[in-house]
Protein backbone atom coordinates (compact mmCIF):
# COMPACT_ATOMS: atom_id res chain seq x y z
CA MET A 1 -60.87 -71.31 26.46
CA ILE A 2 -57.33 -69.97 26.12
CA SER A 3 -55.60 -69.53 29.47
CA GLU A 4 -53.58 -66.37 30.05
CA HIS A 5 -50.96 -65.42 32.57
CA THR A 6 -49.19 -62.17 33.41
CA SER A 7 -45.44 -62.06 32.81
CA ALA A 8 -42.71 -59.52 33.49
CA THR A 9 -40.40 -58.24 30.79
CA THR A 10 -36.73 -57.51 31.25
CA ASN A 11 -37.42 -53.90 32.22
CA GLY A 12 -39.71 -54.95 35.04
CA ASP A 13 -42.98 -54.23 33.22
CA THR A 14 -45.57 -56.79 34.34
CA SER A 15 -48.30 -55.59 31.96
CA VAL A 16 -47.46 -58.09 29.23
CA ILE A 17 -50.17 -60.74 28.95
CA LEU A 18 -49.03 -63.86 27.16
CA PRO A 19 -51.81 -66.13 25.89
CA GLY A 20 -51.37 -69.81 26.53
CA PRO A 21 -52.78 -72.96 24.98
CA ALA A 22 -56.16 -74.40 26.01
CA ASN A 23 -54.46 -77.05 28.19
CA ALA A 24 -52.22 -74.48 29.93
CA VAL A 25 -53.54 -75.16 33.43
CA ASP A 26 -53.20 -78.93 33.03
CA VAL A 27 -49.65 -78.53 31.77
CA GLN A 28 -48.77 -76.16 34.60
CA ASN A 29 -49.97 -78.78 37.12
CA VAL A 30 -47.87 -81.50 35.51
CA VAL A 31 -44.81 -79.22 35.38
CA GLU A 32 -45.17 -78.31 39.05
CA LEU A 33 -45.56 -81.95 40.09
CA ARG A 34 -42.47 -82.99 38.15
CA LEU A 35 -40.41 -80.08 39.49
CA ASP A 36 -41.44 -81.03 43.04
CA ALA A 37 -40.49 -84.65 42.41
CA LEU A 38 -37.16 -83.51 41.03
CA ASP A 39 -36.45 -81.45 44.14
CA LYS A 40 -37.30 -84.39 46.42
CA SER A 41 -35.15 -86.85 44.51
CA GLY A 42 -32.09 -84.62 44.66
CA LEU A 43 -31.14 -85.71 41.13
CA LEU A 44 -31.20 -82.35 39.42
CA GLU A 45 -30.25 -81.81 35.78
CA THR A 46 -30.03 -78.16 34.78
CA LEU A 47 -29.55 -76.11 31.64
CA SER A 48 -27.74 -72.80 32.03
CA ILE A 49 -29.05 -69.82 30.03
CA GLU A 50 -28.47 -66.08 29.96
CA TYR A 51 -31.50 -64.53 31.70
CA ARG A 52 -31.78 -60.78 32.22
CA ASP A 53 -28.05 -60.35 31.74
CA ARG A 54 -27.17 -63.06 34.27
CA PRO A 55 -26.56 -66.81 33.99
CA LEU A 56 -29.50 -68.82 35.28
CA PRO A 57 -29.66 -72.62 35.74
CA LEU A 58 -33.05 -74.02 34.64
CA PRO A 59 -34.33 -77.34 36.02
CA VAL A 60 -34.79 -80.05 33.37
CA ILE A 61 -37.72 -82.45 33.46
CA GLN A 62 -39.24 -85.10 31.23
CA MET A 63 -42.60 -84.16 29.65
CA PRO A 64 -45.13 -86.05 27.50
CA ILE A 65 -44.48 -84.80 24.00
CA ASN A 66 -48.19 -84.40 23.17
CA LEU A 67 -48.80 -82.13 26.14
CA LEU A 68 -46.46 -79.49 24.76
CA THR A 69 -47.18 -76.99 21.95
CA TYR A 70 -45.10 -75.32 19.28
CA ASN A 71 -44.33 -71.66 19.73
CA PRO A 72 -46.47 -69.78 17.16
CA ASN A 73 -43.97 -66.88 17.28
CA THR A 74 -40.84 -68.92 16.62
CA HIS A 75 -38.46 -67.09 14.32
CA ARG A 76 -37.46 -70.29 12.59
CA ILE A 77 -40.38 -70.34 10.18
CA ARG A 78 -41.69 -66.74 10.33
CA ALA A 79 -41.12 -66.00 6.64
CA GLN A 80 -42.42 -69.39 5.52
CA ARG A 81 -45.84 -68.89 7.13
CA ALA A 82 -47.00 -66.96 4.06
CA LEU A 83 -46.79 -70.15 2.00
CA ASP A 84 -50.42 -71.02 2.81
CA PRO A 85 -52.47 -67.84 3.53
CA GLU A 86 -55.50 -69.80 4.75
CA ARG A 87 -53.55 -71.82 7.32
CA ASP A 88 -51.57 -68.70 8.26
CA ARG A 89 -54.87 -66.95 9.07
CA ALA A 90 -55.82 -69.92 11.22
CA LEU A 91 -52.50 -69.56 12.99
CA GLU A 92 -53.22 -65.89 13.67
CA MET A 93 -56.76 -66.56 14.91
CA ASP A 94 -56.07 -69.67 17.03
CA PRO A 95 -52.30 -70.18 17.38
CA TYR A 96 -52.65 -73.24 19.62
CA GLY A 97 -55.47 -74.86 17.68
CA GLN A 98 -55.07 -78.16 15.86
CA THR A 99 -54.88 -76.60 12.37
CA ALA A 100 -52.30 -74.02 13.43
CA GLN A 101 -50.15 -76.50 15.32
CA LYS A 102 -50.21 -78.96 12.34
CA TYR A 103 -49.14 -76.10 10.04
CA LEU A 104 -46.21 -75.25 12.35
CA HIS A 105 -45.23 -78.92 12.41
CA ASP A 106 -45.16 -79.07 8.60
CA LEU A 107 -43.17 -75.83 8.30
CA LEU A 108 -40.59 -76.95 10.87
CA MET A 109 -39.91 -80.01 8.74
CA GLY A 110 -39.81 -78.08 5.47
CA SER A 111 -36.98 -76.52 3.50
CA PRO A 112 -36.72 -72.73 4.03
CA THR A 113 -36.73 -72.10 0.27
CA ASP A 114 -39.34 -74.76 -0.57
CA PRO A 115 -41.38 -75.64 2.53
CA GLY A 116 -43.34 -78.23 0.61
CA LYS A 117 -40.25 -80.42 0.65
CA THR A 118 -38.58 -81.87 3.73
CA ASP A 119 -35.37 -80.08 4.60
CA PRO A 120 -32.31 -82.38 4.42
CA SER A 121 -31.12 -80.90 7.71
CA PHE A 122 -34.39 -81.98 9.34
CA ASP A 123 -33.81 -85.52 8.09
CA ALA A 124 -30.28 -85.36 9.49
CA LEU A 125 -31.57 -84.18 12.87
CA LYS A 126 -34.16 -86.96 12.92
CA GLU A 127 -31.53 -89.57 12.12
CA ASP A 128 -29.24 -88.19 14.85
CA LEU A 129 -32.07 -88.40 17.37
CA ARG A 130 -32.87 -91.92 16.27
CA GLU A 131 -29.28 -93.04 16.70
CA HIS A 132 -28.08 -91.06 19.70
CA GLY A 133 -31.23 -89.82 21.45
CA GLN A 134 -31.86 -86.30 22.67
CA ASN A 135 -28.60 -84.70 23.85
CA GLU A 136 -29.81 -81.19 24.68
CA PRO A 137 -33.13 -80.35 26.35
CA GLY A 138 -35.62 -77.93 24.86
CA ILE A 139 -37.02 -75.00 26.85
CA ILE A 140 -40.67 -74.44 27.74
CA THR A 141 -42.84 -71.88 29.50
CA ARG A 142 -44.84 -73.07 32.51
CA SER A 143 -47.78 -73.47 30.09
CA GLY A 144 -45.88 -75.92 27.91
CA VAL A 145 -45.04 -73.65 24.97
CA LEU A 146 -41.66 -74.55 23.45
CA ILE A 147 -39.36 -71.55 23.33
CA ASN A 148 -36.42 -73.65 22.15
CA GLY A 149 -36.59 -77.14 20.71
CA ASN A 150 -39.52 -76.76 18.34
CA THR A 151 -37.72 -78.56 15.51
CA ARG A 152 -36.53 -81.29 17.90
CA ARG A 153 -40.12 -81.89 19.03
CA ALA A 154 -41.20 -82.19 15.38
CA ALA A 155 -38.45 -84.73 14.73
CA LEU A 156 -39.24 -86.72 17.89
CA LYS A 157 -42.94 -86.75 16.95
CA GLU A 158 -42.03 -88.11 13.52
CA LEU A 159 -40.00 -90.82 15.27
CA GLY A 160 -42.97 -91.75 17.47
CA SER A 161 -41.30 -90.68 20.74
CA GLU A 162 -43.59 -90.22 23.73
CA ASN A 163 -41.41 -87.94 25.87
CA ILE A 164 -39.07 -84.99 25.49
CA ARG A 165 -36.60 -83.49 27.96
CA VAL A 166 -37.20 -79.78 28.59
CA ALA A 167 -35.87 -77.03 30.81
CA VAL A 168 -38.52 -74.92 32.50
CA LEU A 169 -38.49 -71.11 32.49
CA PRO A 170 -39.22 -69.07 35.61
CA LYS A 171 -42.88 -68.13 36.22
CA ASP A 172 -42.23 -64.46 35.55
CA ALA A 173 -40.61 -64.92 32.11
CA GLY A 174 -42.14 -62.33 29.80
CA LEU A 175 -42.27 -61.75 26.07
CA ASP A 176 -38.99 -59.82 25.91
CA ASP A 177 -37.27 -62.51 28.00
CA ILE A 178 -38.59 -65.23 25.69
CA GLN A 179 -37.47 -63.46 22.53
CA GLY A 180 -34.02 -62.84 23.99
CA ILE A 181 -33.61 -66.45 25.14
CA GLU A 182 -34.62 -67.86 21.76
CA LEU A 183 -32.17 -65.54 19.99
CA ALA A 184 -29.26 -66.22 22.36
CA LEU A 185 -29.67 -69.99 22.06
CA GLN A 186 -30.04 -69.86 18.29
CA LEU A 187 -26.78 -67.96 17.92
CA ARG A 188 -24.79 -70.51 19.87
CA LYS A 189 -22.23 -72.15 17.61
CA ASP A 190 -23.30 -75.67 18.56
CA HIS A 191 -26.80 -75.35 17.20
CA ARG A 192 -27.66 -77.84 14.49
CA ARG A 193 -29.97 -75.73 12.35
CA ASP A 194 -29.49 -72.03 11.66
CA TYR A 195 -32.27 -69.55 11.02
CA SER A 196 -32.93 -69.10 7.34
CA PHE A 197 -31.80 -65.75 5.86
CA MET A 198 -35.22 -64.08 5.91
CA ASN A 199 -36.02 -65.34 9.39
CA LEU A 200 -32.75 -63.91 10.66
CA LEU A 201 -33.66 -60.54 9.16
CA LEU A 202 -37.10 -60.73 10.80
CA ALA A 203 -35.53 -61.55 14.16
CA ILE A 204 -33.31 -58.47 13.89
CA ASP A 205 -36.28 -56.35 12.83
CA GLU A 206 -38.30 -57.57 15.81
CA ARG A 207 -35.59 -56.33 18.19
CA VAL A 208 -35.47 -52.96 16.36
CA ALA A 209 -39.25 -52.61 16.56
CA SER A 210 -39.08 -53.42 20.29
CA GLY A 211 -36.90 -50.35 20.78
CA HIS A 212 -33.61 -52.08 21.51
CA PRO A 213 -30.58 -49.84 20.73
CA PRO A 214 -28.60 -50.86 17.62
CA VAL A 215 -25.48 -51.49 19.71
CA LYS A 216 -27.35 -53.96 21.92
CA ILE A 217 -28.85 -55.74 18.90
CA GLN A 218 -25.44 -56.01 17.25
CA ARG A 219 -24.02 -57.54 20.41
CA ALA A 220 -26.93 -60.00 20.69
CA PHE A 221 -26.55 -61.10 17.06
CA ARG A 222 -22.77 -61.03 17.22
CA MET A 223 -22.46 -58.85 14.15
CA LYS A 224 -20.60 -55.67 13.23
CA ALA A 225 -22.40 -52.35 12.75
CA ALA A 226 -21.89 -52.53 8.98
CA THR A 227 -23.49 -55.99 8.84
CA PHE A 228 -26.41 -54.80 10.96
CA GLU A 229 -27.00 -51.80 8.67
CA ARG A 230 -26.81 -54.04 5.61
CA ASN A 231 -29.35 -56.48 7.04
CA VAL A 232 -31.78 -53.68 7.95
CA TRP A 233 -31.43 -52.25 4.41
CA ILE A 234 -32.02 -55.61 2.77
CA LEU A 235 -35.23 -56.34 4.71
CA GLN A 236 -36.56 -52.87 3.90
CA PHE A 237 -35.65 -53.37 0.22
CA VAL A 238 -37.41 -56.74 0.07
CA ARG A 239 -40.51 -55.41 1.84
CA GLU A 240 -40.71 -52.53 -0.64
CA ALA A 241 -40.42 -55.00 -3.51
CA ILE A 242 -43.26 -57.07 -2.02
CA GLU A 243 -45.40 -53.96 -1.63
CA ARG A 244 -44.82 -53.01 -5.28
CA SER A 245 -45.81 -56.52 -6.39
CA ARG A 246 -49.34 -56.28 -4.99
CA SER A 247 -52.33 -56.55 -7.32
CA ALA A 248 -55.90 -57.77 -7.23
CA GLY A 249 -56.80 -61.40 -7.87
CA THR A 250 -60.14 -63.11 -8.22
CA ALA A 251 -62.89 -62.91 -5.56
CA GLY A 252 -61.20 -60.00 -3.79
CA ALA A 253 -57.96 -61.89 -3.22
CA GLU A 254 -54.70 -59.93 -3.09
CA LEU A 255 -51.63 -61.13 -4.89
CA SER A 256 -48.09 -60.38 -3.84
CA MET A 257 -44.64 -61.86 -3.64
CA ARG A 258 -43.54 -63.14 -0.23
CA LEU A 259 -40.45 -63.02 1.92
CA ILE A 260 -39.88 -66.69 1.20
CA ASP A 261 -39.49 -65.84 -2.51
CA PHE A 262 -36.22 -64.07 -1.59
CA GLU A 263 -34.81 -66.79 0.68
CA SER A 264 -32.31 -68.02 -1.91
CA ASP A 265 -31.11 -64.54 -2.84
CA GLN A 266 -28.88 -63.78 0.14
CA GLY A 267 -25.67 -63.53 -1.90
CA GLN A 268 -27.34 -61.39 -4.57
CA LEU A 269 -28.89 -59.04 -1.99
CA GLU A 270 -25.66 -58.60 -0.04
CA GLU A 271 -23.68 -57.83 -3.21
CA LEU A 272 -26.38 -55.43 -4.36
CA TYR A 273 -26.14 -53.54 -1.04
CA ARG A 274 -22.37 -53.19 -1.42
CA ALA A 275 -22.62 -51.99 -5.02
CA TRP A 276 -25.50 -49.63 -4.21
CA ASN A 277 -23.62 -48.22 -1.25
CA VAL A 278 -20.60 -47.39 -3.40
CA LEU A 279 -22.70 -45.52 -5.98
CA LYS A 280 -25.21 -43.69 -3.77
CA ALA A 281 -22.93 -40.89 -2.50
CA ASN A 282 -21.82 -39.59 -5.89
CA SER A 283 -24.64 -40.77 -8.12
CA PRO A 284 -27.94 -41.49 -6.33
CA ASP A 285 -29.82 -42.04 -9.59
CA GLN A 286 -27.27 -44.57 -10.80
CA ALA A 287 -27.44 -46.34 -7.44
CA GLU A 288 -31.24 -46.58 -7.75
CA ALA A 289 -31.01 -47.67 -11.40
CA LEU A 290 -28.65 -50.46 -10.39
CA LYS A 291 -31.04 -51.53 -7.65
CA GLU A 292 -34.02 -51.67 -10.01
CA GLN A 293 -32.26 -53.71 -12.67
CA ARG A 294 -30.74 -56.22 -10.26
CA LEU A 295 -34.12 -56.60 -8.55
CA ALA A 296 -35.67 -57.49 -11.90
CA ALA A 297 -32.92 -60.07 -12.45
CA MET A 298 -33.50 -61.56 -8.97
CA VAL A 299 -37.23 -61.91 -9.65
CA LEU A 300 -36.26 -63.84 -12.80
CA ASP A 301 -34.05 -66.15 -10.69
CA LYS A 302 -30.76 -65.06 -12.22
CA SER A 303 -27.60 -66.18 -10.47
CA LYS A 304 -25.16 -64.15 -8.41
CA THR A 305 -22.67 -64.38 -11.28
CA ASP A 306 -25.29 -63.03 -13.68
CA LEU A 307 -26.10 -60.12 -11.40
CA ARG A 308 -22.44 -59.07 -11.31
CA LEU A 309 -22.72 -58.30 -15.05
CA ILE A 310 -25.55 -55.84 -14.38
CA ASP A 311 -24.36 -52.26 -13.88
CA ALA A 312 -26.36 -49.02 -13.75
CA ASP A 313 -26.46 -48.80 -17.59
CA PHE A 314 -27.32 -52.42 -18.25
CA THR A 315 -30.81 -51.94 -19.69
CA ARG A 316 -29.77 -48.90 -21.72
CA LYS A 317 -26.96 -50.89 -23.32
CA TYR A 318 -28.57 -54.31 -23.72
CA LEU A 319 -32.33 -54.17 -23.05
CA LYS A 320 -33.49 -50.86 -24.50
CA ARG A 321 -35.97 -52.44 -26.88
CA ILE A 322 -38.02 -54.17 -24.15
CA VAL A 323 -38.13 -51.33 -21.57
CA PRO A 324 -41.34 -49.30 -22.06
CA ASP A 325 -41.34 -45.69 -23.16
CA ILE A 326 -40.22 -43.10 -20.63
CA VAL A 327 -43.02 -41.95 -18.39
CA ALA A 328 -43.65 -38.33 -17.55
CA THR A 329 -41.08 -36.89 -15.15
CA ALA A 330 -42.39 -36.27 -11.65
CA ALA A 331 -42.51 -32.70 -10.34
CA PRO A 332 -40.09 -31.60 -7.60
CA LYS A 333 -41.36 -32.38 -4.07
CA ALA A 334 -41.35 -29.85 -1.25
CA ILE A 335 -40.08 -30.90 2.19
CA PRO A 336 -42.97 -30.27 4.65
CA GLY A 337 -42.55 -27.13 6.71
CA THR A 338 -39.81 -25.69 4.50
CA SER A 339 -39.44 -23.99 1.14
CA ILE A 340 -36.87 -26.59 0.09
CA THR A 341 -37.70 -28.86 -2.82
CA THR A 342 -36.01 -32.14 -3.73
CA SER A 343 -35.23 -33.12 -7.26
CA PRO A 344 -37.44 -35.95 -8.57
CA PRO A 345 -35.95 -39.11 -9.97
CA SER A 346 -34.85 -38.85 -13.59
CA ALA A 347 -37.28 -39.87 -16.34
CA GLU A 348 -35.07 -42.86 -17.13
CA LEU A 349 -35.14 -44.00 -13.50
CA GLU A 350 -38.92 -43.63 -13.40
CA LYS A 351 -39.10 -45.77 -16.53
CA LEU A 352 -36.94 -48.42 -14.90
CA LYS A 353 -39.06 -48.45 -11.75
CA SER A 354 -42.25 -48.82 -13.77
CA TRP A 355 -40.72 -51.69 -15.74
CA THR A 356 -39.47 -53.48 -12.63
CA THR A 357 -42.84 -53.04 -10.90
CA SER A 358 -44.56 -54.70 -13.87
CA ILE A 359 -42.17 -57.65 -13.54
CA LEU A 360 -42.86 -57.90 -9.79
CA LYS A 361 -46.63 -57.94 -10.40
CA ALA A 362 -46.31 -60.56 -13.14
CA LYS A 363 -44.21 -62.75 -10.82
CA ALA A 364 -46.75 -62.40 -7.99
CA THR A 365 -49.46 -63.49 -10.43
CA GLU A 366 -47.45 -66.51 -11.58
CA LEU A 367 -46.85 -67.55 -7.95
CA SER A 368 -50.61 -67.54 -7.18
CA PRO A 369 -52.28 -69.54 -9.98
CA ALA A 370 -55.30 -70.40 -7.81
CA LEU A 371 -56.11 -66.73 -7.20
CA VAL A 372 -56.22 -65.46 -10.80
CA THR A 373 -58.10 -66.21 -13.98
CA PRO A 374 -56.41 -68.54 -16.53
CA GLU A 375 -56.16 -65.61 -18.95
CA LYS A 376 -54.35 -63.40 -16.45
CA LEU A 377 -52.01 -66.24 -15.50
CA ALA A 378 -51.21 -66.92 -19.15
CA GLU A 379 -50.57 -63.21 -19.78
CA ALA A 380 -48.20 -62.95 -16.79
CA SER A 381 -46.34 -66.13 -17.76
CA LYS A 382 -45.91 -64.94 -21.33
CA GLU A 383 -44.61 -61.53 -20.14
CA LEU A 384 -42.07 -63.18 -17.82
CA LYS A 385 -40.98 -65.62 -20.51
CA ASN A 386 -40.33 -62.82 -23.01
CA ILE A 387 -38.42 -60.73 -20.48
CA ASP A 388 -36.46 -63.76 -19.26
CA GLU A 389 -35.35 -64.61 -22.81
CA ALA A 390 -34.35 -61.01 -23.45
CA PHE A 391 -32.44 -60.96 -20.16
CA ASP A 392 -30.57 -64.12 -21.09
CA SER A 393 -29.52 -62.58 -24.41
CA ALA A 394 -28.50 -59.34 -22.71
CA LEU A 395 -26.49 -61.18 -20.06
CA ASP A 396 -24.73 -63.15 -22.79
CA LYS A 397 -23.71 -59.90 -24.52
CA ALA A 398 -22.66 -58.33 -21.24
CA GLY A 399 -20.63 -61.43 -20.42
CA LYS A 400 -18.83 -61.30 -23.75
CA ASN A 401 -18.01 -57.60 -23.24
CA SER A 402 -16.81 -58.35 -19.75
CA ARG A 403 -14.55 -61.12 -21.03
CA VAL A 404 -13.20 -58.81 -23.76
CA THR A 405 -12.44 -56.14 -21.14
CA LYS A 406 -10.78 -58.68 -18.89
CA ARG A 407 -8.65 -59.94 -21.77
CA ARG A 408 -7.65 -56.38 -22.65
CA TYR A 409 -6.47 -55.55 -19.16
CA ALA A 410 -5.17 -59.01 -18.19
CA ALA A 411 -1.63 -58.06 -19.36
CA VAL A 412 -1.76 -54.88 -17.27
CA GLU A 413 -2.68 -56.87 -14.17
CA ARG A 414 0.08 -59.41 -14.84
CA LEU A 415 2.71 -56.68 -15.26
CA THR A 416 1.53 -54.97 -12.11
CA ASP A 417 1.92 -58.30 -10.24
CA ALA A 418 5.39 -58.72 -11.81
CA ALA A 419 6.43 -55.25 -10.67
CA GLU A 420 5.34 -56.07 -7.14
CA SER A 421 7.33 -59.31 -7.31
CA LEU A 422 10.42 -57.35 -8.43
CA ASP A 423 9.97 -54.97 -5.49
CA LEU A 424 9.92 -57.99 -3.17
CA ALA A 425 13.06 -59.33 -4.90
CA ALA A 426 14.81 -55.96 -4.36
CA SER A 427 13.86 -56.04 -0.67
CA ALA A 428 15.23 -59.60 -0.38
CA VAL A 429 18.53 -58.50 -1.99
CA ALA A 430 18.76 -55.57 0.41
CA GLU A 431 18.17 -57.84 3.42
CA ALA A 432 20.76 -60.34 2.19
CA ARG A 433 23.35 -57.60 1.67
CA ALA A 434 22.65 -56.18 5.11
CA THR A 435 23.58 -59.50 6.63
CA ALA A 436 26.61 -60.00 4.33
CA ASN A 437 24.82 -63.00 2.85
CA PHE A 438 24.53 -61.92 -0.79
CA ASP A 439 26.23 -63.22 -3.96
CA ALA A 440 25.19 -61.64 -7.28
CA ASP A 441 26.13 -64.81 -9.13
CA ASP A 442 23.19 -66.53 -7.45
CA LEU A 443 20.86 -64.33 -9.52
CA ASP A 444 22.46 -64.90 -12.91
CA ASP A 445 20.21 -67.71 -14.14
CA ALA A 446 17.08 -65.99 -12.94
CA LEU A 447 18.13 -62.68 -14.52
CA SER A 448 18.85 -64.43 -17.82
CA GLN A 449 15.33 -65.87 -17.76
CA LEU A 450 13.98 -62.42 -16.93
CA GLN A 451 15.85 -60.98 -19.94
CA VAL A 452 14.30 -63.61 -22.23
CA SER A 453 10.82 -62.88 -20.87
CA ILE A 454 11.18 -59.11 -21.21
CA THR A 455 12.54 -59.45 -24.75
CA LYS A 456 9.57 -61.64 -25.73
CA LEU A 457 7.19 -59.12 -24.16
CA ALA A 458 8.85 -56.25 -26.02
CA GLN A 459 8.61 -57.98 -29.37
CA LEU A 460 4.87 -58.49 -28.91
CA VAL A 461 4.13 -55.06 -27.47
CA LEU A 462 6.25 -52.87 -29.75
CA ARG A 463 4.86 -54.34 -32.97
CA SER A 464 1.55 -52.58 -32.31
CA ALA A 465 2.87 -49.56 -30.40
CA GLU A 466 2.79 -46.31 -32.34
CA LYS A 467 4.96 -43.43 -31.19
CA ALA A 468 6.54 -45.56 -28.47
CA GLN A 469 8.99 -42.75 -27.80
CA ASP A 470 6.12 -40.63 -26.48
CA ARG A 471 5.28 -43.19 -23.79
CA PRO A 472 7.92 -43.44 -21.03
CA GLY A 473 7.17 -47.08 -20.27
CA LEU A 474 7.22 -48.18 -23.90
CA ALA A 475 10.38 -46.14 -24.58
CA TRP A 476 12.09 -47.82 -21.64
CA LEU A 477 11.03 -51.26 -22.90
CA ARG A 478 12.48 -50.52 -26.36
CA GLY A 479 15.78 -49.31 -24.87
CA ALA A 480 16.00 -52.17 -22.37
CA THR A 481 15.77 -54.76 -25.11
CA THR A 482 17.81 -52.80 -27.72
CA LEU A 483 15.12 -53.38 -30.34
CA LYS A 484 14.89 -51.39 -33.58
CA ASP A 485 11.75 -49.40 -34.44
CA ASP A 486 11.02 -51.91 -37.19
CA ALA A 487 11.60 -54.95 -35.02
CA SER A 488 9.52 -57.90 -35.97
């Protein structure tokens, strides 16, 4: 039987019932005995935390490692839980059961992007604990659930340790308290292992869903308003992509991509948000087109450098042959309760969305080989392979065009930099003259070199310049170097 206890939240609400593990009563008894022994000995170690907006010293005790349980709601592996749907269901049904706790143990050791492999940072933590021991205590509820120190417990278990030092929360610590404590401790600069990108987004979303004001959330996460807005947008964007990827598998199974599939795309997603934000005000359709095309590239595991080559017209310029025919344009939609209608997305944008959705569904199929027929898996893999090859070819062409454009305007950028340098030189001359510390002869060698450089530039530029007299800059360059119209 799962023990339960009533806990107060930060706003004084005592209606929150937090379930505890099956051994909760036994753990509570051990905790109370050890706290009493600590009081009597007078040797009190404490850990200071921020608790309900005030510093609070928590008593630290030694506990048998096998009496404690992992926190099933820890943010550290929230996104990774979808890796194994069957064990995730067990975690939902019986969070403190043996299967669920073993799953949490495995995920805590795993890499955020590939939980099947041990994270190098976990190995580093384990080695540090082996060599130096436990420096900082974890934090538990009175029922023995670890609020902080889940990964440390996993590492200590792997090392065969029998005990772990933990600070004990007050009896009235509620769900909101626990979430706030975990977050505050995670964001300390001295923490060894950061939240993965998706788990950070989920932690922010949890605070939003709990009704915390944006300003308070930004302060808790130590981020600017713009960063907060970007993170909220990214999570919504990823969730929409996952929803679009859903399709039916065998035996009633549902296929979809997962948050973990976007763990390694932080840079791509952040750059997409910036580019989308620039376009959306003046050209909403172009902003959405950019979003669709870069999403397709992310699903195909293209790099951040590749995504920078993708603009709103990328498929029209380089992938037109593989994008399906334009679908029928949607009718204008009325805003409920008004006579106002909104313009539907353009036919081209609808086509792009349909194309990207097909890629999302194919990727979800490829990621779930056990839940689809061999024929469907082969079809999805073939579709992705063909699109991937076409994308590589398109990116190669876009890269060449980008390099051509850069080469064309490289001279302009260099001359602009040179003009700025000359402005700085003029300022330096003015300052020297103002302090009677200027001698024109000092500049003679440098000016002679400048004359040589400008003459060389003029010879190269004016050979291909038609009607130079009609361009003030070119006319000046000709006059400054006293070149003839037929100079060669």
